[in-house]
C-alpha atoms as a PDB file:
ATOM      1  CA  UNK A   1      -2.442  -8.189   6.183  1.00  0.00           C
ATOM      2  CA  UNK A   2      -3.867  -4.662   6.775  1.00  0.00           C
ATOM      3  CA  UNK A   3      -7.017  -4.255   4.672  1.00  0.00           C
ATOM      4  CA  UNK A   4      -5.791  -0.871   3.438  1.00  0.00           C
ATOM      5  CA  UNK A   5      -2.898  -2.380   1.551  1.00  0.00           C
ATOM      6  CA  UNK A   6      -3.839  -5.447  -0.544  1.00  0.00           C
ATOM      7  CA  UNK A   7      -3.246  -3.392  -3.679  1.00  0.00           C
ATOM      8  CA  UNK A   8       0.433  -3.061  -2.833  1.00  0.00           C
ATOM      9  CA  UNK A   9       0.923  -6.806  -3.197  1.00  0.00           C
ATOM     10  CA  UNK A  10      -1.515  -7.552  -6.053  1.00  0.00           C
ATOM     11  CA  UNK A  11       0.022  -9.164  -9.184  1.00  0.00           C
ATOM     12  CA  UNK A  12       1.795  -6.747 -11.527  1.00  0.00           C
ATOM     13  CA  UNK A  13       1.183  -6.699 -15.273  1.00  0.00           C
ATOM     14  CA  UNK A  14       3.216  -8.743 -17.734  1.00  0.00           C
ATOM     15  CA  UNK A  15       5.255  -5.910 -19.275  1.00  0.00           C
ATOM     16  CA  UNK A  16       8.522  -4.586 -17.834  1.00  0.00           C
ATOM     17  CA  UNK A  17       7.996  -6.529 -14.638  1.00  0.00           C
ATOM     18  CA  UNK A  18      11.110  -5.352 -12.808  1.00  0.00           C
ATOM     19  CA  UNK A  19      10.143  -1.743 -13.467  1.00  0.00           C
ATOM     20  CA  UNK A  20       6.536  -2.469 -12.465  1.00  0.00           C
ATOM     21  CA  UNK A  21       7.613  -3.969  -9.124  1.00  0.00           C
ATOM     22  CA  UNK A  22       9.984  -1.067  -8.425  1.00  0.00           C
ATOM     23  CA  UNK A  23       7.263   1.452  -9.230  1.00  0.00           C
ATOM     24  CA  UNK A  24       4.615  -0.407  -7.206  1.00  0.00           C
ATOM     25  CA  UNK A  25       6.682  -0.742  -4.049  1.00  0.00           C
ATOM     26  CA  UNK A  26       8.334   2.658  -4.474  1.00  0.00           C
ATOM     27  CA  UNK A  27       4.956   4.375  -4.725  1.00  0.00           C
ATOM     28  CA  UNK A  28       3.661   2.487  -1.692  1.00  0.00           C
ATOM     29  CA  UNK A  29       6.683   3.544   0.360  1.00  0.00           C
ATOM     30  CA  UNK A  30       6.525   7.188  -0.789  1.00  0.00           C
ATOM     31  CA  UNK A  31       2.803   7.394   0.032  1.00  0.00           C
ATOM     32  CA  UNK A  32       3.233   5.757   3.420  1.00  0.00           C
ATOM     33  CA  UNK A  33       1.186   2.679   2.559  1.00  0.00           C
ATOM     34  CA  UNK A  34       4.259   0.779   3.719  1.00  0.00           C
ATOM     35  CA  UNK A  35       5.588   2.269   6.931  1.00  0.00           C
ATOM     36  CA  UNK A  36       9.162   3.216   7.773  1.00  0.00           C
ATOM     37  CA  UNK A  37      10.942   0.227   9.291  1.00  0.00           C
ATOM     38  CA  UNK A  38       8.264  -2.245   8.205  1.00  0.00           C
ATOM     39  CA  UNK A  39       9.564  -5.630   7.146  1.00  0.00           C
ATOM     40  CA  UNK A  40       8.495  -6.796   3.703  1.00  0.00           C
ATOM     41  CA  UNK A  41       7.258 -10.362   3.234  1.00  0.00           C
ATOM     42  CA  UNK A  42       9.906 -12.974   2.443  1.00  0.00           C
ATOM     43  CA  UNK A  43      11.209 -13.021  -1.122  1.00  0.00           C
ATOM     44  CA  UNK A  44       9.283 -16.200  -1.866  1.00  0.00           C
ATOM     45  CA  UNK A  45       6.014 -14.837  -0.484  1.00  0.00           C
ATOM     46  CA  UNK A  46       6.441 -11.389  -2.047  1.00  0.00           C
ATOM     47  CA  UNK A  47       7.229 -12.854  -5.471  1.00  0.00           C
ATOM     48  CA  UNK A  48       4.103 -14.993  -5.154  1.00  0.00           C
ATOM     49  CA  UNK A  49       1.904 -12.029  -4.188  1.00  0.00           C
ATOM     50  CA  UNK A  50       3.193  -9.963  -7.102  1.00  0.00           C
ATOM     51  CA  UNK A  51       3.069 -12.831  -9.593  1.00  0.00           C
ATOM     52  CA  UNK A  52       6.732 -12.570 -10.590  1.00  0.00           C
ATOM     53  CA  UNK A  53       9.740 -14.861 -10.386  1.00  0.00           C
ATOM     54  CA  UNK A  54      12.170 -14.593  -7.479  1.00  0.00           C
ATOM     55  CA  UNK A  55      14.838 -13.486  -9.973  1.00  0.00           C
ATOM     56  CA  UNK A  56      12.642 -10.576 -11.104  1.00  0.00           C
ATOM     57  CA  UNK A  57      11.867  -9.690  -7.497  1.00  0.00           C
ATOM     58  CA  UNK A  58      15.540  -9.678  -6.488  1.00  0.00           C
ATOM     59  CA  UNK A  59      16.377  -7.314  -9.363  1.00  0.00           C
ATOM     60  CA  UNK A  60      13.582  -5.001  -8.226  1.00  0.00           C
ATOM     61  CA  UNK A  61      14.727  -5.117  -4.595  1.00  0.00           C
ATOM     62  CA  UNK A  62      18.265  -4.294  -5.706  1.00  0.00           C
ATOM     63  CA  UNK A  63      16.964  -1.225  -7.564  1.00  0.00           C
ATOM     64  CA  UNK A  64      14.965  -0.158  -4.495  1.00  0.00           C
ATOM     65  CA  UNK A  65      18.067  -0.527  -2.317  1.00  0.00           C
ATOM     66  CA  UNK A  66      20.016   1.663  -4.738  1.00  0.00           C
ATOM     67  CA  UNK A  67      17.262   4.264  -4.421  1.00  0.00           C
ATOM     68  CA  UNK A  68      17.513   4.104  -0.633  1.00  0.00           C
ATOM     69  CA  UNK A  69      13.921   2.901  -0.242  1.00  0.00           C
ATOM     70  CA  UNK A  70      14.688  -0.426   1.421  1.00  0.00           C
ATOM     71  CA  UNK A  71      17.557  -1.901   3.376  1.00  0.00           C
ATOM     72  CA  UNK A  72      18.467  -5.558   3.695  1.00  0.00           C
ATOM     73  CA  UNK A  73      19.561  -7.002   7.029  1.00  0.00           C
ATOM     74  CA  UNK A  74      21.312 -10.333   7.342  1.00  0.00           C
ATOM     75  CA  UNK A  75      21.171 -12.938  10.047  1.00  0.00           C
ATOM     76  CA  UNK A  76      18.412 -13.914  12.404  1.00  0.00           C
ATOM     77  CA  UNK A  77      15.458 -11.571  12.078  1.00  0.00           C
ATOM     78  CA  UNK A  78      16.858 -10.268   8.813  1.00  0.00           C
ATOM     79  CA  UNK A  79      15.079  -9.434   5.588  1.00  0.00           C
ATOM     80  CA  UNK A  80      14.113  -6.363   3.582  1.00  0.00           C
ATOM     81  CA  UNK A  81      12.919  -3.322   5.534  1.00  0.00           C
ATOM     82  CA  UNK A  82      11.256  -0.120   4.353  1.00  0.00           C
ATOM     83  CA  UNK A  83      13.094   3.186   4.546  1.00  0.00           C
ATOM     84  CA  UNK A  84      10.868   6.241   4.207  1.00  0.00           C
ATOM     85  CA  UNK A  85      12.322   8.634   1.606  1.00  0.00           C
ATOM     86  CA  UNK A  86      13.299  12.140   2.600  1.00  0.00           C
ATOM     87  CA  UNK A  87      11.363  13.487  -0.381  1.00  0.00           C
ATOM     88  CA  UNK A  88       7.568  13.145  -0.715  1.00  0.00           C
ATOM     89  CA  UNK A  89       5.797  11.225  -3.465  1.00  0.00           C
ATOM     90  CA  UNK A  90       6.942  12.657  -6.820  1.00  0.00           C
ATOM     91  CA  UNK A  91       3.615  13.161  -8.572  1.00  0.00           C
ATOM     92  CA  UNK A  92       5.087  15.069 -11.513  1.00  0.00           C
ATOM     93  CA  UNK A  93       7.732  12.406 -12.029  1.00  0.00           C
ATOM     94  CA  UNK A  94       5.030   9.727 -12.168  1.00  0.00           C
ATOM     95  CA  UNK A  95       2.905  11.774 -14.558  1.00  0.00           C
ATOM     96  CA  UNK A  96       5.593  12.616 -17.116  1.00  0.00           C
ATOM     97  CA  UNK A  97       5.705   9.182 -18.817  1.00  0.00           C
ATOM     98  CA  UNK A  98       1.906   9.139 -19.130  1.00  0.00           C
ATOM     99  CA  UNK A  99       0.125  10.859 -22.006  1.00  0.00           C
ATOM    100  CA  UNK A 100      -3.069  12.726 -21.202  1.00  0.00           C
ATOM    101  CA  UNK A 101      -4.987  10.211 -23.319  1.00  0.00           C
ATOM    102  CA  UNK A 102      -3.583   7.320 -21.265  1.00  0.00           C
ATOM    103  CA  UNK A 103      -4.531   9.042 -18.021  1.00  0.00           C
ATOM    104  CA  UNK A 104      -8.059   9.610 -19.303  1.00  0.00           C
ATOM    105  CA  UNK A 105      -8.358   5.989 -20.400  1.00  0.00           C
ATOM    106  CA  UNK A 106      -7.126   4.732 -17.017  1.00  0.00           C
ATOM    107  CA  UNK A 107      -9.524   7.112 -15.303  1.00  0.00           C
ATOM    108  CA  UNK A 108     -12.469   5.973 -17.404  1.00  0.00           C
ATOM    109  CA  UNK A 109     -11.742   2.350 -16.542  1.00  0.00           C
ATOM    110  CA  UNK A 110     -11.300   3.070 -12.831  1.00  0.00           C
ATOM    111  CA  UNK A 111     -14.474   5.190 -12.730  1.00  0.00           C
ATOM    112  CA  UNK A 112     -16.440   2.386 -14.387  1.00  0.00           C
ATOM    113  CA  UNK A 113     -15.225  -0.171 -11.832  1.00  0.00           C
ATOM    114  CA  UNK A 114     -15.741   2.184  -8.885  1.00  0.00           C
ATOM    115  CA  UNK A 115     -19.213   3.103 -10.128  1.00  0.00           C
ATOM    116  CA  UNK A 116     -20.267  -0.513 -10.633  1.00  0.00           C
ATOM    117  CA  UNK A 117     -18.957  -1.491  -7.188  1.00  0.00           C
ATOM    118  CA  UNK A 118     -20.768   1.428  -5.530  1.00  0.00           C
ATOM    119  CA  UNK A 119     -24.051   0.624  -7.301  1.00  0.00           C
ATOM    120  CA  UNK A 120     -23.912  -2.992  -6.203  1.00  0.00           C
ATOM    121  CA  UNK A 121     -22.886  -1.951  -2.681  1.00  0.00           C
ATOM    122  CA  UNK A 122     -26.072   0.119  -2.490  1.00  0.00           C
ATOM    123  CA  UNK A 123     -28.037  -2.916  -3.634  1.00  0.00           C
ATOM    124  CA  UNK A 124     -26.297  -5.675  -1.637  1.00  0.00           C
ATOM    125  CA  UNK A 125     -24.441  -4.187   1.349  1.00  0.00           C
ATOM    126  CA  UNK A 126     -25.117  -5.536   4.816  1.00  0.00           C
ATOM    127  CA  UNK A 127     -25.477  -3.350   7.953  1.00  0.00           C
ATOM    128  CA  UNK A 128     -21.951  -4.319   8.997  1.00  0.00           C
ATOM    129  CA  UNK A 129     -20.580  -3.067   5.669  1.00  0.00           C
ATOM    130  CA  UNK A 130     -22.155   0.348   6.177  1.00  0.00           C
ATOM    131  CA  UNK A 131     -20.896   0.472   9.781  1.00  0.00           C
ATOM    132  CA  UNK A 132     -17.344  -0.132   8.546  1.00  0.00           C
ATOM    133  CA  UNK A 133     -17.665   2.635   5.960  1.00  0.00           C
ATOM    134  CA  UNK A 134     -18.922   5.072   8.579  1.00  0.00           C
ATOM    135  CA  UNK A 135     -16.076   4.163  10.926  1.00  0.00           C
ATOM    136  CA  UNK A 136     -13.624   4.832   8.116  1.00  0.00           C
ATOM    137  CA  UNK A 137     -15.238   8.230   7.498  1.00  0.00           C
ATOM    138  CA  UNK A 138     -14.836   9.100  11.177  1.00  0.00           C
ATOM    139  CA  UNK A 139     -11.187   8.014  11.177  1.00  0.00           C
ATOM    140  CA  UNK A 140     -10.443  10.042   8.034  1.00  0.00           C
ATOM    141  CA  UNK A 141     -12.083  13.118   9.549  1.00  0.00           C
ATOM    142  CA  UNK A 142      -9.672  12.952  12.497  1.00  0.00           C
ATOM    143  CA  UNK A 143      -6.532  12.079  10.505  1.00  0.00           C
ATOM    144  CA  UNK A 144      -3.956  14.682   9.538  1.00  0.00           C
ATOM    145  CA  UNK A 145      -2.923  14.894   5.866  1.00  0.00           C
ATOM    146  CA  UNK A 146      -0.161  12.431   5.140  1.00  0.00           C
ATOM    147  CA  UNK A 147       0.572   8.716   4.954  1.00  0.00           C
ATOM    148  CA  UNK A 148      -2.022   7.653   7.543  1.00  0.00           C
ATOM    149  CA  UNK A 149      -4.788   9.459   5.666  1.00  0.00           C
ATOM    150  CA  UNK A 150      -3.630   7.810   2.421  1.00  0.00           C
ATOM    151  CA  UNK A 151      -3.912   4.404   4.061  1.00  0.00           C
ATOM    152  CA  UNK A 152      -7.406   5.194   5.347  1.00  0.00           C
ATOM    153  CA  UNK A 153      -8.508   6.471   1.927  1.00  0.00           C
ATOM    154  CA  UNK A 154      -7.295   3.309   0.218  1.00  0.00           C
ATOM    155  CA  UNK A 155      -9.011   1.142   2.817  1.00  0.00           C
ATOM    156  CA  UNK A 156     -12.280   3.063   2.418  1.00  0.00           C
ATOM    157  CA  UNK A 157     -12.461   2.369  -1.312  1.00  0.00           C
ATOM    158  CA  UNK A 158     -11.630  -1.295  -0.814  1.00  0.00           C
ATOM    159  CA  UNK A 159     -14.442  -1.469   1.744  1.00  0.00           C
ATOM    160  CA  UNK A 160     -16.877  -0.009  -0.800  1.00  0.00           C
ATOM    161  CA  UNK A 161     -15.795  -2.642  -3.319  1.00  0.00           C
ATOM    162  CA  UNK A 162     -16.096  -5.414  -0.739  1.00  0.00           C
ATOM    163  CA  UNK A 163     -19.619  -4.222   0.133  1.00  0.00           C
ATOM    164  CA  UNK A 164     -20.615  -4.960  -3.477  1.00  0.00           C
ATOM    165  CA  UNK A 165     -20.279  -8.658  -2.598  1.00  0.00           C
ATOM    166  CA  UNK A 166     -18.519  -9.115  -5.968  1.00  0.00           C
ATOM    167  CA  UNK A 167     -15.181 -10.903  -5.766  1.00  0.00           C
ATOM    168  CA  UNK A 168     -14.211  -9.892  -9.316  1.00  0.00           C
ATOM    169  CA  UNK A 169     -15.005  -6.207  -8.794  1.00  0.00           C
ATOM    170  CA  UNK A 170     -13.088  -6.219  -5.528  1.00  0.00           C
ATOM    171  CA  UNK A 171     -10.070  -7.795  -7.211  1.00  0.00           C
ATOM    172  CA  UNK A 172     -10.222  -5.228 -10.005  1.00  0.00           C
ATOM    173  CA  UNK A 173     -10.436  -2.413  -7.444  1.00  0.00           C
ATOM    174  CA  UNK A 174      -7.302  -3.811  -5.799  1.00  0.00           C
ATOM    175  CA  UNK A 175      -5.493  -4.005  -9.149  1.00  0.00           C
ATOM    176  CA  UNK A 176      -6.461  -0.478 -10.157  1.00  0.00           C
ATOM    177  CA  UNK A 177      -5.526   0.929  -6.771  1.00  0.00           C
ATOM    178  CA  UNK A 178      -2.082  -0.515  -7.351  1.00  0.00           C
ATOM    179  CA  UNK A 179      -1.774   0.988 -10.861  1.00  0.00           C
ATOM    180  CA  UNK A 180      -3.475   4.395 -10.730  1.00  0.00           C
ATOM    181  CA  UNK A 181      -4.319   4.559  -7.033  1.00  0.00           C
ATOM    182  CA  UNK A 182      -1.147   6.444  -5.985  1.00  0.00           C
ATOM    183  CA  UNK A 183      -1.940   9.170  -8.519  1.00  0.00           C
ATOM    184  CA  UNK A 184      -5.574   9.386  -7.382  1.00  0.00           C
ATOM    185  CA  UNK A 185      -4.504   9.551  -3.727  1.00  0.00           C
ATOM    186  CA  UNK A 186      -2.022  12.324  -4.512  1.00  0.00           C
ATOM    187  CA  UNK A 187      -4.729  14.305  -6.335  1.00  0.00           C
ATOM    188  CA  UNK A 188      -7.215  13.797  -3.495  1.00  0.00           C
ATOM    189  CA  UNK A 189      -4.554  14.744  -0.948  1.00  0.00           C
ATOM    190  CA  UNK A 190      -4.224  18.326  -2.162  1.00  0.00           C
ATOM    191  CA  UNK A 191      -5.246  20.793   0.604  1.00  0.00           C
ATOM    192  CA  UNK A 192      -7.698  22.569  -1.698  1.00  0.00           C
ATOM    193  CA  UNK A 193      -9.414  19.265  -2.519  1.00  0.00           C
ATOM    194  CA  UNK A 194      -9.990  18.235   1.089  1.00  0.00           C
ATOM    195  CA  UNK A 195     -13.520  19.548   1.614  1.00  0.00           C
ATOM    196  CA  UNK A 196     -14.761  18.216  -1.720  1.00  0.00           C
ATOM    197  CA  UNK A 197     -13.239  14.779  -1.176  1.00  0.00           C
ATOM    198  CA  UNK A 198     -14.745  14.505   2.311  1.00  0.00           C
ATOM    199  CA  UNK A 199     -18.161  15.544   0.989  1.00  0.00           C
ATOM    200  CA  UNK A 200     -17.950  12.955  -1.812  1.00  0.00           C
ATOM    201  CA  UNK A 201     -17.000  10.214   0.642  1.00  0.00           C
ATOM    202  CA  UNK A 202     -19.909  11.112   2.915  1.00  0.00           C
ATOM    203  CA  UNK A 203     -22.362  11.282   0.005  1.00  0.00           C
ATOM    204  CA  UNK A 204     -21.202   7.879  -1.217  1.00  0.00           C
ATOM    205  CA  UNK A 205     -21.734   6.244   2.169  1.00  0.00           C
ATOM    206  CA  UNK A 206     -25.198   7.760   2.557  1.00  0.00           C
ATOM    207  CA  UNK A 207     -26.230   6.622  -0.922  1.00  0.00           C
ATOM    208  CA  UNK A 208     -25.070   3.092  -0.125  1.00  0.00           C
ATOM    209  CA  UNK A 209     -26.824   3.134   3.248  1.00  0.00           C
ATOM    210  CA  UNK A 210     -30.098   4.249   1.645  1.00  0.00           C
ATOM    211  CA  UNK A 211     -29.900   1.779  -1.196  1.00  0.00           C
ATOM    212  CA  UNK A 212     -29.735   4.550  -3.809  1.00  0.00           C
ATOM    213  CA  UNK A 213     -28.014   2.610  -6.576  1.00  0.00           C
ATOM    214  CA  UNK A 214     -27.899   5.339  -9.215  1.00  0.00           C
ATOM    215  CA  UNK A 215     -26.758   7.993  -6.761  1.00  0.00           C
ATOM    216  CA  UNK A 216     -23.991   5.769  -5.386  1.00  0.00           C
ATOM    217  CA  UNK A 217     -22.730   5.012  -8.907  1.00  0.00           C
ATOM    218  CA  UNK A 218     -22.793   8.681  -9.934  1.00  0.00           C
ATOM    219  CA  UNK A 219     -20.919   9.854  -6.820  1.00  0.00           C
ATOM    220  CA  UNK A 220     -18.257   7.167  -7.177  1.00  0.00           C
ATOM    221  CA  UNK A 221     -17.690   7.911 -10.863  1.00  0.00           C
ATOM    222  CA  UNK A 222     -17.540  11.662 -10.226  1.00  0.00           C
ATOM    223  CA  UNK A 223     -15.125  11.115  -7.330  1.00  0.00           C
ATOM    224  CA  UNK A 224     -12.636   9.416  -9.648  1.00  0.00           C
ATOM    225  CA  UNK A 225     -13.280  11.752 -12.579  1.00  0.00           C
ATOM    226  CA  UNK A 226     -12.544  14.867 -10.505  1.00  0.00           C
ATOM    227  CA  UNK A 227      -9.149  13.501  -9.490  1.00  0.00           C
ATOM    228  CA  UNK A 228      -8.303  12.405 -13.026  1.00  0.00           C
ATOM    229  CA  UNK A 229      -9.196  15.809 -14.482  1.00  0.00           C
ATOM    230  CA  UNK A 230      -6.733  17.412 -12.073  1.00  0.00           C
ATOM    231  CA  UNK A 231      -4.074  14.871 -13.062  1.00  0.00           C
ATOM    232  CA  UNK A 232      -4.612  15.579 -16.764  1.00  0.00           C
ATOM    233  CA  UNK A 233      -4.416  19.332 -16.223  1.00  0.00           C
ATOM    234  CA  UNK A 234      -1.216  18.917 -14.235  1.00  0.00           C
ATOM    235  CA  UNK A 235       0.276  16.600 -16.853  1.00  0.00           C
ATOM    236  CA  UNK A 236      -0.456  19.058 -19.666  1.00  0.00           C
ATOM    237  CA  UNK A 237       1.182  21.837 -17.651  1.00  0.00           C
ATOM    238  CA  UNK A 238       4.472  19.934 -17.286  1.00  0.00           C
END
């Protein structure tokens, strides 16, 4: 499985599971984390990845078919396939159900996890970890805005978490990317945010490479906080 996308198939929470699966997969399709025409895992495997029953998964897939986001093909080589929506990711639609206080709380939690992972990455990362981060920076610098850049951004942050050598922090990064990650990616993807986001990514990698634990933590926390502040402002303006 592509390292940019584990968050798509991480277990969903225990509340409103059909809705959570629809939102998770719908966001991933709208952001391009799942590509047009890509075949989803089998129902049994996908239900296992998401931590839901096959009955819950089938209800969610039915809702996604009704929304035109997947199509099901029968026969040999059949299954569920992604259909890229004509409309881009609906950031405002995703923000409306969330109160500003909930966004801030989610952001605080994500910033704490990202900061802890970055601090430990600066302390524990191996040369190969830093090389991977620098390769991701180079790929993001050459990528046009859009789904491919979203995939690279998600992969970059998972690589930072993995460099912490903490399995629990990496799992939490994956879970949070699935829950608030689409909103963060949408905020970072704004044209006016491009230069700042690139500078923050570069500063984070250099802090990790130099073993500057406090600097790495501060950059990672600020990186998340800047996106969340934009999301809160946009939510209040709706």
